Full PDB file with SEQRES, HELIX, SHEET, SSBOND, CRYST1, ORIGX, SCALE, CONECT and MASTER records, all heavy atoms in Angstrom:
SEQRES   1 A   44  SER LEU GLY LEU CYS LEU THR GLN GLY ALA VAL LEU ALA          
SEQRES   2 A   44  GLN GLU PHE LEU SER ARG PRO VAL ARG ILE VAL VAL PRO          
SEQRES   3 A   44  GLN THR PRO GLY GLY ALA SER ASP ALA LEU ALA ARG ILE          
SEQRES   4 A   44  MET ALA GLN ARG LEU                                          
HELIX    1 AA1 LEU A    2  GLU A   15  1                                  14    
HELIX    2 AA2 ALA A   32  ARG A   43  1                                  12    
CRYST1    1.000    1.000    1.000  90.00  90.00  90.00 P 1           1          
ORIGX1      1.000000  0.000000  0.000000        0.00000                         
ORIGX2      0.000000  1.000000  0.000000        0.00000                         
ORIGX3      0.000000  0.000000  1.000000        0.00000                         
SCALE1      1.000000  0.000000  0.000000        0.00000                         
SCALE2      0.000000  1.000000  0.000000        0.00000                         
SCALE3      0.000000  0.000000  1.000000        0.00000                         
ATOM      1  N   SER A   1      42.329 -15.695  -3.576  1.00  0.00           N  
ATOM      2  CA  SER A   1      42.666 -16.537  -2.428  1.00  0.00           C  
ATOM      3  C   SER A   1      42.856 -15.684  -1.182  1.00  0.00           C  
ATOM      4  O   SER A   1      42.382 -16.030  -0.082  1.00  0.00           O  
ATOM      5  CB  SER A   1      43.916 -17.320  -2.685  1.00  0.00           C  
ATOM      6  OG  SER A   1      43.751 -18.196  -3.801  1.00  0.00           O  
ATOM      7  N   LEU A   2      43.564 -14.553  -1.343  1.00  0.00           N  
ATOM      8  CA  LEU A   2      43.773 -13.642  -0.226  1.00  0.00           C  
ATOM      9  C   LEU A   2      42.493 -13.085   0.300  1.00  0.00           C  
ATOM     10  O   LEU A   2      42.246 -13.016   1.496  1.00  0.00           O  
ATOM     11  CB  LEU A   2      44.724 -12.499  -0.652  1.00  0.00           C  
ATOM     12  CG  LEU A   2      45.031 -11.440   0.391  1.00  0.00           C  
ATOM     13  CD1 LEU A   2      45.732 -12.070   1.616  1.00  0.00           C  
ATOM     14  CD2 LEU A   2      45.873 -10.308  -0.181  1.00  0.00           C  
ATOM     15  N   GLY A   3      41.621 -12.682  -0.613  1.00  0.00           N  
ATOM     16  CA  GLY A   3      40.334 -12.176  -0.212  1.00  0.00           C  
ATOM     17  C   GLY A   3      39.491 -13.180   0.507  1.00  0.00           C  
ATOM     18  O   GLY A   3      38.823 -12.866   1.532  1.00  0.00           O  
ATOM     19  N   LEU A   4      39.568 -14.479   0.053  1.00  0.00           N  
ATOM     20  CA  LEU A   4      38.826 -15.526   0.730  1.00  0.00           C  
ATOM     21  C   LEU A   4      39.322 -15.744   2.144  1.00  0.00           C  
ATOM     22  O   LEU A   4      38.579 -15.906   3.091  1.00  0.00           O  
ATOM     23  CB  LEU A   4      38.967 -16.823  -0.105  1.00  0.00           C  
ATOM     24  CG  LEU A   4      38.233 -18.061   0.477  1.00  0.00           C  
ATOM     25  CD1 LEU A   4      36.718 -17.784   0.558  1.00  0.00           C  
ATOM     26  CD2 LEU A   4      38.525 -19.284  -0.397  1.00  0.00           C  
ATOM     27  N   CYS A   5      40.689 -15.760   2.291  1.00  0.00           N  
ATOM     28  CA  CYS A   5      41.291 -15.920   3.606  1.00  0.00           C  
ATOM     29  C   CYS A   5      40.898 -14.801   4.582  1.00  0.00           C  
ATOM     30  O   CYS A   5      40.576 -15.050   5.741  1.00  0.00           O  
ATOM     31  CB  CYS A   5      42.821 -15.967   3.509  1.00  0.00           C  
ATOM     32  SG  CYS A   5      43.426 -17.507   2.744  1.00  0.00           S  
ATOM     33  N   LEU A   6      40.911 -13.577   4.081  1.00  0.00           N  
ATOM     34  CA  LEU A   6      40.531 -12.435   4.923  1.00  0.00           C  
ATOM     35  C   LEU A   6      39.093 -12.500   5.340  1.00  0.00           C  
ATOM     36  O   LEU A   6      38.724 -12.198   6.455  1.00  0.00           O  
ATOM     37  CB  LEU A   6      40.867 -11.115   4.167  1.00  0.00           C  
ATOM     38  CG  LEU A   6      42.321 -10.786   3.947  1.00  0.00           C  
ATOM     39  CD1 LEU A   6      42.473  -9.552   3.091  1.00  0.00           C  
ATOM     40  CD2 LEU A   6      43.025 -10.556   5.282  1.00  0.00           C  
ATOM     41  N   THR A   7      38.251 -12.908   4.353  1.00  0.00           N  
ATOM     42  CA  THR A   7      36.809 -13.048   4.663  1.00  0.00           C  
ATOM     43  C   THR A   7      36.578 -14.113   5.687  1.00  0.00           C  
ATOM     44  O   THR A   7      35.805 -13.953   6.643  1.00  0.00           O  
ATOM     45  CB  THR A   7      36.045 -13.381   3.368  1.00  0.00           C  
ATOM     46  OG1 THR A   7      36.242 -12.347   2.427  1.00  0.00           O  
ATOM     47  CG2 THR A   7      34.537 -13.507   3.651  1.00  0.00           C  
ATOM     48  N   GLN A   8      37.261 -15.293   5.506  1.00  0.00           N  
ATOM     49  CA  GLN A   8      37.117 -16.378   6.457  1.00  0.00           C  
ATOM     50  C   GLN A   8      37.567 -15.948   7.833  1.00  0.00           C  
ATOM     51  O   GLN A   8      36.960 -16.274   8.874  1.00  0.00           O  
ATOM     52  CB  GLN A   8      37.900 -17.603   5.990  1.00  0.00           C  
ATOM     53  CG  GLN A   8      37.280 -18.300   4.781  1.00  0.00           C  
ATOM     54  CD  GLN A   8      38.146 -19.426   4.273  1.00  0.00           C  
ATOM     55  OE1 GLN A   8      39.372 -19.428   4.481  1.00  0.00           O  
ATOM     56  NE2 GLN A   8      37.513 -20.421   3.640  1.00  0.00           N  
ATOM     57  N   GLY A   9      38.706 -15.196   7.873  1.00  0.00           N  
ATOM     58  CA  GLY A   9      39.224 -14.715   9.171  1.00  0.00           C  
ATOM     59  C   GLY A   9      38.226 -13.774   9.859  1.00  0.00           C  
ATOM     60  O   GLY A   9      38.011 -13.873  11.062  1.00  0.00           O  
ATOM     61  N   ALA A  10      37.623 -12.920   9.067  1.00  0.00           N  
ATOM     62  CA  ALA A  10      36.632 -11.972   9.668  1.00  0.00           C  
ATOM     63  C   ALA A  10      35.438 -12.727  10.192  1.00  0.00           C  
ATOM     64  O   ALA A  10      34.901 -12.421  11.276  1.00  0.00           O  
ATOM     65  CB  ALA A  10      36.205 -10.967   8.584  1.00  0.00           C  
ATOM     66  N   VAL A  11      35.000 -13.775   9.428  1.00  0.00           N  
ATOM     67  CA  VAL A  11      33.842 -14.578   9.877  1.00  0.00           C  
ATOM     68  C   VAL A  11      34.178 -15.316  11.175  1.00  0.00           C  
ATOM     69  O   VAL A  11      33.420 -15.325  12.130  1.00  0.00           O  
ATOM     70  CB  VAL A  11      33.451 -15.588   8.778  1.00  0.00           C  
ATOM     71  CG1 VAL A  11      32.435 -16.588   9.356  1.00  0.00           C  
ATOM     72  CG2 VAL A  11      32.883 -14.872   7.568  1.00  0.00           C  
ATOM     73  N   LEU A  12      35.385 -15.909  11.239  1.00  0.00           N  
ATOM     74  CA  LEU A  12      35.786 -16.604  12.452  1.00  0.00           C  
ATOM     75  C   LEU A  12      35.859 -15.659  13.646  1.00  0.00           C  
ATOM     76  O   LEU A  12      35.423 -16.013  14.773  1.00  0.00           O  
ATOM     77  CB  LEU A  12      37.182 -17.228  12.235  1.00  0.00           C  
ATOM     78  CG  LEU A  12      37.233 -18.510  11.368  1.00  0.00           C  
ATOM     79  CD1 LEU A  12      38.688 -18.825  11.069  1.00  0.00           C  
ATOM     80  CD2 LEU A  12      36.547 -19.684  12.097  1.00  0.00           C  
ATOM     81  N   ALA A  13      36.362 -14.472  13.428  1.00  0.00           N  
ATOM     82  CA  ALA A  13      36.466 -13.493  14.508  1.00  0.00           C  
ATOM     83  C   ALA A  13      35.100 -13.085  15.013  1.00  0.00           C  
ATOM     84  O   ALA A  13      34.953 -12.764  16.203  1.00  0.00           O  
ATOM     85  CB  ALA A  13      37.244 -12.273  14.031  1.00  0.00           C  
ATOM     86  N   GLN A  14      34.113 -13.083  14.154  1.00  0.00           N  
ATOM     87  CA  GLN A  14      32.756 -12.745  14.602  1.00  0.00           C  
ATOM     88  C   GLN A  14      32.060 -13.924  15.265  1.00  0.00           C  
ATOM     89  O   GLN A  14      31.351 -13.803  16.243  1.00  0.00           O  
ATOM     90  CB  GLN A  14      31.939 -12.265  13.399  1.00  0.00           C  
ATOM     91  CG  GLN A  14      32.319 -10.919  12.873  1.00  0.00           C  
ATOM     92  CD  GLN A  14      32.154  -9.809  13.880  1.00  0.00           C  
ATOM     93  OE1 GLN A  14      31.236  -9.846  14.730  1.00  0.00           O  
ATOM     94  NE2 GLN A  14      32.998  -8.800  13.847  1.00  0.00           N  
ATOM     95  N   GLU A  15      32.302 -15.141  14.742  1.00  0.00           N  
ATOM     96  CA  GLU A  15      31.639 -16.325  15.250  1.00  0.00           C  
ATOM     97  C   GLU A  15      32.024 -16.655  16.706  1.00  0.00           C  
ATOM     98  O   GLU A  15      31.259 -17.240  17.416  1.00  0.00           O  
ATOM     99  CB  GLU A  15      31.970 -17.534  14.365  1.00  0.00           C  
ATOM    100  CG  GLU A  15      31.204 -17.549  13.045  1.00  0.00           C  
ATOM    101  CD  GLU A  15      31.547 -18.762  12.205  1.00  0.00           C  
ATOM    102  OE1 GLU A  15      32.505 -19.488  12.533  1.00  0.00           O  
ATOM    103  OE2 GLU A  15      30.865 -18.987  11.197  1.00  0.00           O  
ATOM    104  N   PHE A  16      33.197 -16.223  17.131  1.00  0.00           N  
ATOM    105  CA  PHE A  16      33.584 -16.569  18.507  1.00  0.00           C  
ATOM    106  C   PHE A  16      32.749 -15.829  19.523  1.00  0.00           C  
ATOM    107  O   PHE A  16      32.795 -16.149  20.705  1.00  0.00           O  
ATOM    108  CB  PHE A  16      35.085 -16.331  18.679  1.00  0.00           C  
ATOM    109  CG  PHE A  16      35.457 -14.998  19.305  1.00  0.00           C  
ATOM    110  CD1 PHE A  16      35.560 -14.855  20.675  1.00  0.00           C  
ATOM    111  CD2 PHE A  16      35.701 -13.876  18.514  1.00  0.00           C  
ATOM    112  CE1 PHE A  16      35.941 -13.618  21.230  1.00  0.00           C  
ATOM    113  CE2 PHE A  16      36.040 -12.652  19.073  1.00  0.00           C  
ATOM    114  CZ  PHE A  16      36.141 -12.544  20.446  1.00  0.00           C  
ATOM    115  N   LEU A  17      31.965 -14.840  19.084  1.00  0.00           N  
ATOM    116  CA  LEU A  17      31.081 -14.122  19.995  1.00  0.00           C  
ATOM    117  C   LEU A  17      29.681 -14.668  19.980  1.00  0.00           C  
ATOM    118  O   LEU A  17      28.737 -14.020  20.392  1.00  0.00           O  
ATOM    119  CB  LEU A  17      31.039 -12.644  19.596  1.00  0.00           C  
ATOM    120  CG  LEU A  17      32.363 -11.883  19.849  1.00  0.00           C  
ATOM    121  CD1 LEU A  17      32.249 -10.448  19.302  1.00  0.00           C  
ATOM    122  CD2 LEU A  17      32.709 -11.835  21.309  1.00  0.00           C  
ATOM    123  N   SER A  18      29.527 -15.896  19.478  1.00  0.00           N  
ATOM    124  CA  SER A  18      28.202 -16.460  19.314  1.00  0.00           C  
ATOM    125  C   SER A  18      27.589 -16.948  20.633  1.00  0.00           C  
ATOM    126  O   SER A  18      26.417 -17.255  20.713  1.00  0.00           O  
ATOM    127  CB  SER A  18      28.258 -17.626  18.306  1.00  0.00           C  
ATOM    128  OG  SER A  18      29.125 -18.652  18.803  1.00  0.00           O  
ATOM    129  N   ARG A  19      28.415 -17.022  21.678  1.00  0.00           N  
ATOM    130  CA  ARG A  19      27.914 -17.457  22.995  1.00  0.00           C  
ATOM    131  C   ARG A  19      28.842 -16.868  24.092  1.00  0.00           C  
ATOM    132  O   ARG A  19      29.882 -16.310  23.759  1.00  0.00           O  
ATOM    133  CB  ARG A  19      27.840 -18.967  23.078  1.00  0.00           C  
ATOM    134  CG  ARG A  19      29.125 -19.680  22.949  1.00  0.00           C  
ATOM    135  CD  ARG A  19      28.926 -21.214  23.004  1.00  0.00           C  
ATOM    136  NE  ARG A  19      30.194 -21.932  23.027  1.00  0.00           N  
ATOM    137  CZ  ARG A  19      30.905 -22.251  21.979  1.00  0.00           C  
ATOM    138  NH1 ARG A  19      30.446 -21.886  20.775  1.00  0.00           N  
ATOM    139  NH2 ARG A  19      32.039 -22.927  22.082  1.00  0.00           N  
ATOM    140  N   PRO A  20      28.436 -16.978  25.352  1.00  0.00           N  
ATOM    141  CA  PRO A  20      29.237 -16.397  26.428  1.00  0.00           C  
ATOM    142  C   PRO A  20      30.675 -16.862  26.424  1.00  0.00           C  
ATOM    143  O   PRO A  20      30.992 -18.017  26.066  1.00  0.00           O  
ATOM    144  CB  PRO A  20      28.515 -16.874  27.706  1.00  0.00           C  
ATOM    145  CG  PRO A  20      27.090 -17.034  27.259  1.00  0.00           C  
ATOM    146  CD  PRO A  20      27.187 -17.542  25.853  1.00  0.00           C  
ATOM    147  N   VAL A  21      31.562 -15.960  26.852  1.00  0.00           N  
ATOM    148  CA  VAL A  21      32.981 -16.236  26.914  1.00  0.00           C  
ATOM    149  C   VAL A  21      33.392 -16.402  28.400  1.00  0.00           C  
ATOM    150  O   VAL A  21      32.946 -15.665  29.254  1.00  0.00           O  
ATOM    151  CB  VAL A  21      33.817 -15.098  26.305  1.00  0.00           C  
ATOM    152  CG1 VAL A  21      35.315 -15.312  26.488  1.00  0.00           C  
ATOM    153  CG2 VAL A  21      33.469 -14.947  24.824  1.00  0.00           C  
ATOM    154  N   ARG A  22      34.235 -17.420  28.656  1.00  0.00           N  
ATOM    155  CA  ARG A  22      34.736 -17.665  30.016  1.00  0.00           C  
ATOM    156  C   ARG A  22      36.183 -17.274  30.148  1.00  0.00           C  
ATOM    157  O   ARG A  22      36.970 -17.589  29.240  1.00  0.00           O  
ATOM    158  CB  ARG A  22      34.581 -19.143  30.404  1.00  0.00           C  
ATOM    159  CG  ARG A  22      33.178 -19.648  30.564  1.00  0.00           C  
ATOM    160  CD  ARG A  22      33.218 -21.115  31.018  1.00  0.00           C  
ATOM    161  NE  ARG A  22      33.970 -21.956  30.120  1.00  0.00           N  
ATOM    162  CZ  ARG A  22      34.721 -23.011  30.504  1.00  0.00           C  
ATOM    163  NH1 ARG A  22      34.803 -23.334  31.780  1.00  0.00           N  
ATOM    164  NH2 ARG A  22      35.366 -23.744  29.616  1.00  0.00           N  
ATOM    165  N   ILE A  23      36.534 -16.586  31.203  1.00  0.00           N  
ATOM    166  CA  ILE A  23      37.942 -16.360  31.544  1.00  0.00           C  
ATOM    167  C   ILE A  23      38.218 -17.180  32.787  1.00  0.00           C  
ATOM    168  O   ILE A  23      37.715 -16.900  33.864  1.00  0.00           O  
ATOM    169  CB  ILE A  23      38.218 -14.861  31.841  1.00  0.00           C  
ATOM    170  CG1 ILE A  23      37.931 -14.007  30.593  1.00  0.00           C  
ATOM    171  CG2 ILE A  23      39.683 -14.651  32.258  1.00  0.00           C  
ATOM    172  CD1 ILE A  23      38.160 -12.513  30.828  1.00  0.00           C  
ATOM    173  N   VAL A  24      38.999 -18.218  32.619  1.00  0.00           N  
ATOM    174  CA  VAL A  24      39.332 -19.133  33.718  1.00  0.00           C  
ATOM    175  C   VAL A  24      40.518 -18.584  34.483  1.00  0.00           C  
ATOM    176  O   VAL A  24      41.584 -18.351  33.906  1.00  0.00           O  
ATOM    177  CB  VAL A  24      39.645 -20.558  33.200  1.00  0.00           C  
ATOM    178  CG1 VAL A  24      40.076 -21.463  34.342  1.00  0.00           C  
ATOM    179  CG2 VAL A  24      38.422 -21.146  32.498  1.00  0.00           C  
ATOM    180  N   VAL A  25      40.328 -18.392  35.787  1.00  0.00           N  
ATOM    181  CA  VAL A  25      41.401 -17.950  36.686  1.00  0.00           C  
ATOM    182  C   VAL A  25      41.810 -19.167  37.510  1.00  0.00           C  
ATOM    183  O   VAL A  25      41.014 -19.676  38.297  1.00  0.00           O  
ATOM    184  CB  VAL A  25      40.901 -16.806  37.625  1.00  0.00           C  
ATOM    185  CG1 VAL A  25      42.009 -16.419  38.612  1.00  0.00           C  
ATOM    186  CG2 VAL A  25      40.502 -15.594  36.813  1.00  0.00           C  
ATOM    187  N   PRO A  26      43.078 -19.625  37.373  1.00  0.00           N  
ATOM    188  CA  PRO A  26      43.491 -20.831  38.086  1.00  0.00           C  
ATOM    189  C   PRO A  26      43.911 -20.578  39.515  1.00  0.00           C  
ATOM    190  O   PRO A  26      44.723 -21.335  40.090  1.00  0.00           O  
ATOM    191  CB  PRO A  26      44.688 -21.305  37.217  1.00  0.00           C  
ATOM    192  CG  PRO A  26      45.229 -20.098  36.630  1.00  0.00           C  
ATOM    193  CD  PRO A  26      44.067 -19.169  36.411  1.00  0.00           C  
ATOM    194  N   GLN A  27      43.410 -19.526  40.106  1.00  0.00           N  
ATOM    195  CA  GLN A  27      43.659 -19.204  41.529  1.00  0.00           C  
ATOM    196  C   GLN A  27      42.309 -18.918  42.197  1.00  0.00           C  
ATOM    197  O   GLN A  27      41.281 -18.711  41.534  1.00  0.00           O  
ATOM    198  CB  GLN A  27      44.590 -18.001  41.678  1.00  0.00           C  
ATOM    199  CG  GLN A  27      46.053 -18.276  41.389  1.00  0.00           C  
ATOM    200  CD  GLN A  27      46.390 -18.160  39.895  1.00  0.00           C  
ATOM    201  OE1 GLN A  27      45.765 -17.338  39.187  1.00  0.00           O  
ATOM    202  NE2 GLN A  27      47.380 -18.871  39.435  1.00  0.00           N  
ATOM    203  N   THR A  28      42.330 -18.826  43.507  1.00  0.00           N  
ATOM    204  CA  THR A  28      41.143 -18.528  44.280  1.00  0.00           C  
ATOM    205  C   THR A  28      40.744 -17.073  44.118  1.00  0.00           C  
ATOM    206  O   THR A  28      41.576 -16.255  43.747  1.00  0.00           O  
ATOM    207  CB  THR A  28      41.335 -18.831  45.752  1.00  0.00           C  
ATOM    208  OG1 THR A  28      42.506 -18.131  46.219  1.00  0.00           O  
ATOM    209  CG2 THR A  28      41.552 -20.311  46.005  1.00  0.00           C  
ATOM    210  N   PRO A  29      39.495 -16.705  44.365  1.00  0.00           N  
ATOM    211  CA  PRO A  29      39.037 -15.319  44.261  1.00  0.00           C  
ATOM    212  C   PRO A  29      39.806 -14.415  45.240  1.00  0.00           C  
ATOM    213  O   PRO A  29      40.253 -14.879  46.315  1.00  0.00           O  
ATOM    214  CB  PRO A  29      37.571 -15.389  44.659  1.00  0.00           C  
ATOM    215  CG  PRO A  29      37.172 -16.800  44.342  1.00  0.00           C  
ATOM    216  CD  PRO A  29      38.391 -17.643  44.684  1.00  0.00           C  
ATOM    217  N   GLY A  30      39.989 -13.158  44.845  1.00  0.00           N  
ATOM    218  CA  GLY A  30      40.575 -12.186  45.743  1.00  0.00           C  
ATOM    219  C   GLY A  30      42.011 -11.825  45.424  1.00  0.00           C  
ATOM    220  O   GLY A  30      42.495 -10.798  45.898  1.00  0.00           O  
ATOM    221  N   GLY A  31      42.728 -12.646  44.657  1.00  0.00           N  
ATOM    222  CA  GLY A  31      44.110 -12.335  44.314  1.00  0.00           C  
ATOM    223  C   GLY A  31      44.215 -11.359  43.143  1.00  0.00           C  
ATOM    224  O   GLY A  31      43.230 -10.954  42.572  1.00  0.00           O  
ATOM    225  N   ALA A  32      45.462 -11.082  42.729  1.00  0.00           N  
ATOM    226  CA  ALA A  32      45.682 -10.126  41.662  1.00  0.00           C  
ATOM    227  C   ALA A  32      45.147 -10.654  40.339  1.00  0.00           C  
ATOM    228  O   ALA A  32      44.508  -9.917  39.599  1.00  0.00           O  
ATOM    229  CB  ALA A  32      47.178  -9.879  41.528  1.00  0.00           C  
ATOM    230  N   SER A  33      45.347 -11.945  40.036  1.00  0.00           N  
ATOM    231  CA  SER A  33      44.836 -12.525  38.792  1.00  0.00           C  
ATOM    232  C   SER A  33      43.302 -12.377  38.703  1.00  0.00           C  
ATOM    233  O   SER A  33      42.749 -11.980  37.671  1.00  0.00           O  
ATOM    234  CB  SER A  33      45.216 -14.004  38.675  1.00  0.00           C  
ATOM    235  OG  SER A  33      46.598 -14.171  38.521  1.00  0.00           O  
ATOM    236  N   ASP A  34      42.648 -12.694  39.813  1.00  0.00           N  
ATOM    237  CA  ASP A  34      41.216 -12.617  39.857  1.00  0.00           C  
ATOM    238  C   ASP A  34      40.717 -11.195  39.679  1.00  0.00           C  
ATOM    239  O   ASP A  34      39.781 -10.910  38.922  1.00  0.00           O  
ATOM    240  CB  ASP A  34      40.723 -13.189  41.195  1.00  0.00           C  
ATOM    241  CG  ASP A  34      39.186 -13.199  41.331  1.00  0.00           C  
ATOM    242  OD1 ASP A  34      38.578 -14.010  40.596  1.00  0.00           O  
ATOM    243  OD2 ASP A  34      38.664 -12.403  42.083  1.00  0.00           O  
ATOM    244  N   ALA A  35      41.337 -10.219  40.367  1.00  0.00           N  
ATOM    245  CA  ALA A  35      40.922  -8.833  40.302  1.00  0.00           C  
ATOM    246  C   ALA A  35      41.073  -8.272  38.874  1.00  0.00           C  
ATOM    247  O   ALA A  35      40.140  -7.623  38.350  1.00  0.00           O  
ATOM    248  CB  ALA A  35      41.720  -8.002  41.270  1.00  0.00           C  
ATOM    249  N   LEU A  36      42.205  -8.550  38.261  1.00  0.00           N  
ATOM    250  CA  LEU A  36      42.446  -8.044  36.895  1.00  0.00           C  
ATOM    251  C   LEU A  36      41.517  -8.693  35.898  1.00  0.00           C  
ATOM    252  O   LEU A  36      41.021  -8.054  34.974  1.00  0.00           O  
ATOM    253  CB  LEU A  36      43.889  -8.238  36.504  1.00  0.00           C  
ATOM    254  CG  LEU A  36      44.947  -7.539  37.356  1.00  0.00           C  
ATOM    255  CD1 LEU A  36      46.372  -7.859  36.819  1.00  0.00           C  
ATOM    256  CD2 LEU A  36      44.755  -6.026  37.349  1.00  0.00           C  
ATOM    257  N   ALA A  37      41.261  -9.985  36.084  1.00  0.00           N  
ATOM    258  CA  ALA A  37      40.359 -10.730  35.180  1.00  0.00           C  
ATOM    259  C   ALA A  37      38.960 -10.142  35.254  1.00  0.00           C  
ATOM    260  O   ALA A  37      38.278 -10.037  34.203  1.00  0.00           O  
ATOM    261  CB  ALA A  37      40.346 -12.196  35.540  1.00  0.00           C  
ATOM    262  N   ARG A  38      38.494  -9.761  36.428  1.00  0.00           N  
ATOM    263  CA  ARG A  38      37.136  -9.252  36.569  1.00  0.00           C  
ATOM    264  C   ARG A  38      37.006  -7.884  35.959  1.00  0.00           C  
ATOM    265  O   ARG A  38      35.948  -7.551  35.395  1.00  0.00           O  
ATOM    266  CB  ARG A  38      36.719  -9.301  38.054  1.00  0.00           C  
ATOM    267  CG  ARG A  38      36.585 -10.697  38.592  1.00  0.00           C  
ATOM    268  CD  ARG A  38      36.110 -10.788  40.018  1.00  0.00           C  
ATOM    269  NE  ARG A  38      36.144 -12.188  40.440  1.00  0.00           N  
ATOM    270  CZ  ARG A  38      35.229 -13.079  40.139  1.00  0.00           C  
ATOM    271  NH1 ARG A  38      34.140 -12.721  39.473  1.00  0.00           N  
ATOM    272  NH2 ARG A  38      35.341 -14.321  40.564  1.00  0.00           N  
ATOM    273  N   ILE A  39      38.037  -7.079  36.075  1.00  0.00           N  
ATOM    274  CA  ILE A  39      38.015  -5.777  35.398  1.00  0.00           C  
ATOM    275  C   ILE A  39      37.889  -5.975  33.896  1.00  0.00           C  
ATOM    276  O   ILE A  39      37.080  -5.326  33.206  1.00  0.00           O  
ATOM    277  CB  ILE A  39      39.245  -4.965  35.754  1.00  0.00           C  
ATOM    278  CG1 ILE A  39      39.256  -4.569  37.253  1.00  0.00           C  
ATOM    279  CG2 ILE A  39      39.298  -3.671  34.904  1.00  0.00           C  
ATOM    280  CD1 ILE A  39      40.557  -3.950  37.727  1.00  0.00           C  
ATOM    281  N   MET A  40      38.707  -6.872  33.367  1.00  0.00           N  
ATOM    282  CA  MET A  40      38.733  -7.135  31.935  1.00  0.00           C  
ATOM    283  C   MET A  40      37.421  -7.763  31.448  1.00  0.00           C  
ATOM    284  O   MET A  40      36.892  -7.414  30.380  1.00  0.00           O  
ATOM    285  CB  MET A  40      39.933  -8.004  31.601  1.00  0.00           C  
ATOM    286  CG  MET A  40      40.195  -8.184  30.109  1.00  0.00           C  
ATOM    287  SD  MET A  40      40.376  -6.631  29.207  1.00  0.00           S  
ATOM    288  CE  MET A  40      41.696  -5.842  30.164  1.00  0.00           C  
ATOM    289  N   ALA A  41      36.877  -8.698  32.244  1.00  0.00           N  
ATOM    290  CA  ALA A  41      35.628  -9.349  31.852  1.00  0.00           C  
ATOM    291  C   ALA A  41      34.487  -8.319  31.716  1.00  0.00           C  
ATOM    292  O   ALA A  41      33.693  -8.408  30.784  1.00  0.00           O  
ATOM    293  CB  ALA A  41      35.265 -10.397  32.912  1.00  0.00           C  
ATOM    294  N   GLN A  42      34.430  -7.396  32.665  1.00  0.00           N  
ATOM    295  CA  GLN A  42      33.380  -6.383  32.613  1.00  0.00           C  
ATOM    296  C   GLN A  42      33.504  -5.554  31.319  1.00  0.00           C  
ATOM    297  O   GLN A  42      32.492  -5.308  30.626  1.00  0.00           O  
ATOM    298  CB  GLN A  42      33.480  -5.480  33.834  1.00  0.00           C  
ATOM    299  CG  GLN A  42      32.470  -4.338  33.827  1.00  0.00           C  
ATOM    300  CD  GLN A  42      32.759  -3.311  34.910  1.00  0.00           C  
ATOM    301  OE1 GLN A  42      33.473  -3.576  35.836  1.00  0.00           O  
ATOM    302  NE2 GLN A  42      32.200  -2.106  34.735  1.00  0.00           N  
ATOM    303  N   ARG A  43      34.698  -5.110  31.016  1.00  0.00           N  
ATOM    304  CA  ARG A  43      34.903  -4.267  29.861  1.00  0.00           C  
ATOM    305  C   ARG A  43      34.731  -4.989  28.550  1.00  0.00           C  
ATOM    306  O   ARG A  43      34.231  -4.427  27.583  1.00  0.00           O  
ATOM    307  CB  ARG A  43      36.288  -3.593  29.929  1.00  0.00           C  
ATOM    308  CG  ARG A  43      36.427  -2.545  31.038  1.00  0.00           C  
ATOM    309  CD  ARG A  43      35.277  -1.556  30.944  1.00  0.00           C  
ATOM    310  NE  ARG A  43      35.354  -0.570  31.962  1.00  0.00           N  
ATOM    311  CZ  ARG A  43      35.610   0.744  31.731  1.00  0.00           C  
ATOM    312  NH1 ARG A  43      35.830   1.144  30.489  1.00  0.00           N  
ATOM    313  NH2 ARG A  43      35.655   1.596  32.718  1.00  0.00           N  
ATOM    314  N   LEU A  44      35.189  -6.241  28.473  1.00  0.00           N  
ATOM    315  CA  LEU A  44      34.994  -7.028  27.252  1.00  0.00           C  
ATOM    316  C   LEU A  44      33.522  -7.309  27.017  1.00  0.00           C  
ATOM    317  O   LEU A  44      33.033  -7.311  25.877  1.00  0.00           O  
ATOM    318  CB  LEU A  44      35.782  -8.340  27.346  1.00  0.00           C  
ATOM    319  CG  LEU A  44      37.294  -8.205  27.159  1.00  0.00           C  
ATOM    320  CD1 LEU A  44      37.981  -9.550  27.450  1.00  0.00           C  
ATOM    321  CD2 LEU A  44      37.680  -7.711  25.770  1.00  0.00           C  
TER     322      LEU A  44                                                      
MASTER        0    0    0    2    0    0    0    6  321    1    0    4          
END                                                                             
């Protein structure tokens, strides 16, 4: 059971990369949230 859970977890973690990821910034461009999000988006 443990092995099945770990396997399912690994599969789920891989499946989330099956299409583009969006980072939603609830503020306008140019602020601190936007700047940090763009640095992180590039690296991810």
